[in-house]
Protein backbone atom coordinates (compact mmCIF):
# COMPACT_ATOMS: atom_id res chain seq x y z
CA MET A 1 -7.24 -12.22 10.04
CA THR A 2 -6.45 -8.90 8.39
CA ARG A 3 -5.05 -9.33 4.85
CA ILE A 4 -2.70 -6.77 3.48
CA LEU A 5 -1.18 -6.44 0.02
CA VAL A 6 2.31 -4.85 0.14
CA VAL A 7 3.47 -3.47 -3.17
CA GLU A 8 7.17 -2.63 -2.85
CA ASP A 9 10.07 -3.07 -5.22
CA ASN A 10 12.81 -2.56 -2.66
CA SER A 11 13.61 -5.94 -1.02
CA MET A 12 14.81 -4.47 2.24
CA ASN A 13 11.63 -2.35 2.62
CA MET A 14 9.49 -5.29 1.70
CA GLU A 15 11.14 -7.49 4.29
CA LEU A 16 10.76 -4.90 7.00
CA VAL A 17 7.13 -4.13 6.23
CA THR A 18 6.27 -7.79 5.94
CA TYR A 19 7.99 -8.66 9.26
CA LEU A 20 6.23 -5.86 11.16
CA LEU A 21 2.72 -6.78 9.76
CA GLN A 22 3.18 -10.57 10.31
CA SER A 23 4.55 -9.98 13.86
CA ASN A 24 1.30 -8.17 14.58
CA GLY A 25 -0.90 -11.15 13.33
CA MET A 26 -1.59 -9.87 9.83
CA GLU A 27 -1.57 -11.94 6.63
CA VAL A 28 0.69 -10.40 3.99
CA THR A 29 0.71 -10.85 0.23
CA GLN A 30 3.60 -9.34 -1.63
CA ALA A 31 3.88 -7.78 -5.06
CA VAL A 32 7.09 -6.25 -6.44
CA ASP A 33 5.59 -4.20 -9.23
CA GLY A 34 2.47 -2.73 -10.66
CA PRO A 35 1.39 -5.58 -12.96
CA GLU A 36 1.84 -8.10 -10.12
CA ALA A 37 -0.13 -5.95 -7.72
CA LEU A 38 -3.04 -5.77 -10.22
CA GLU A 39 -2.93 -9.46 -10.74
CA ARG A 40 -3.03 -10.17 -6.94
CA ILE A 41 -5.93 -7.74 -6.54
CA LYS A 42 -7.78 -9.39 -9.42
CA ASN A 43 -7.62 -12.75 -7.56
CA ASP A 44 -8.04 -11.52 -3.95
CA LEU A 45 -9.71 -8.82 -1.90
CA PHE A 46 -7.57 -7.24 0.72
CA ASP A 47 -8.30 -5.25 3.87
CA LEU A 48 -5.57 -2.75 2.91
CA VAL A 49 -3.05 -2.10 0.19
CA LEU A 50 0.27 -0.48 1.10
CA LEU A 51 1.49 0.89 -2.29
CA ASP A 52 4.88 2.23 -3.13
CA ILE A 53 4.46 5.10 -5.57
CA GLN A 54 7.86 4.70 -7.32
CA LEU A 55 7.55 1.32 -9.01
CA PRO A 56 9.21 0.02 -12.16
CA GLY A 57 6.93 -0.10 -15.24
CA ILE A 58 3.55 0.85 -13.99
CA ASP A 59 4.04 3.35 -11.19
CA GLY A 60 1.91 3.36 -8.06
CA LEU A 61 -0.35 6.13 -9.14
CA GLU A 62 -1.34 4.21 -12.25
CA VAL A 63 -2.02 1.10 -10.14
CA LEU A 64 -4.17 3.22 -7.90
CA LYS A 65 -6.07 4.60 -10.80
CA LYS A 66 -6.72 1.03 -12.09
CA ILE A 67 -7.92 -0.12 -8.64
CA LYS A 68 -10.25 2.87 -8.22
CA GLU A 69 -11.75 2.38 -11.75
CA ASN A 70 -13.02 -1.06 -10.62
CA PRO A 71 -16.35 -0.57 -8.74
CA ALA A 72 -15.81 -3.74 -6.73
CA LEU A 73 -12.50 -2.34 -5.37
CA GLN A 74 -13.31 1.31 -4.80
CA GLN A 75 -13.83 0.97 -1.08
CA MET A 76 -10.56 -1.00 -0.54
CA PRO A 77 -8.17 1.31 1.30
CA VAL A 78 -4.97 2.05 -0.50
CA VAL A 79 -2.24 3.83 1.40
CA ALA A 80 0.80 5.41 -0.31
CA LEU A 81 4.01 3.95 1.22
CA THR A 82 6.66 6.20 -0.32
CA ALA A 83 9.75 8.26 0.12
CA HIS A 84 8.10 11.07 -1.72
CA SER A 85 8.08 13.67 1.07
CA MET A 86 7.89 16.96 -0.78
CA GLN A 87 5.38 19.52 0.57
CA GLY A 88 2.03 18.74 -1.00
CA ASP A 89 2.76 15.14 -1.93
CA GLU A 90 0.41 13.72 0.75
CA GLN A 91 -2.43 15.91 -0.59
CA ASN A 92 -1.67 14.87 -4.18
CA PHE A 93 -1.83 11.19 -3.20
CA ILE A 94 -5.08 11.63 -1.33
CA ARG A 95 -6.54 13.64 -4.24
CA ALA A 96 -5.50 10.77 -6.54
CA GLY A 97 -7.54 8.38 -4.41
CA CYS A 98 -5.25 7.16 -1.65
CA SER A 99 -6.73 6.72 1.80
CA GLY A 100 -3.58 8.12 3.34
CA TYR A 101 0.16 8.24 3.28
CA ILE A 102 3.05 6.64 5.20
CA SER A 103 6.46 7.96 4.60
CA LYS A 104 9.69 6.05 4.16
CA PRO A 105 11.96 5.44 5.89
CA ILE A 106 9.34 3.78 8.01
CA ASP A 107 9.17 4.87 11.72
CA VAL A 108 9.04 1.41 13.22
CA SER A 109 7.65 2.69 16.49
CA LEU A 110 4.60 4.33 14.70
CA PHE A 111 4.06 2.00 11.73
CA MET A 112 1.59 -0.43 13.16
CA MET A 113 -0.47 2.41 14.64
CA GLU A 114 -0.57 4.10 11.27
CA VAL A 115 -1.57 0.86 9.47
CA ARG A 116 -4.27 0.13 11.91
CA SER A 117 -5.69 3.59 11.46
CA PHE A 118 -6.59 2.66 7.89
CA ILE A 119 -8.09 -0.74 8.45
CA THR A 120 -11.87 -0.59 8.47
CA ILE A 121 -12.75 -4.11 9.53
């Protein structure tokens, strides 16, 4: 079973993403902020991390940096899941180490296709 960590502080977004992933047979672990995400990753390996960039406390880019600093986690795909949609944001996230970018609000009809494109198992 594909294991996905969803890091999202907005409860409605978390509920929607979790529902879509679980409805498609994926196992979802949730984290509502950066420290919780780092704790979850320390204890488990995931096939994919969907990471909100605007998080309280430690933001998503700092979480990403900490993930990529760990040699055991460097190959784990991390996808920015964010409402940042300014021109150049996607390139900035990829340059920072993200495997890709999914913009919010989520396009429900495309979401699972986008998610599957990042899963390497």
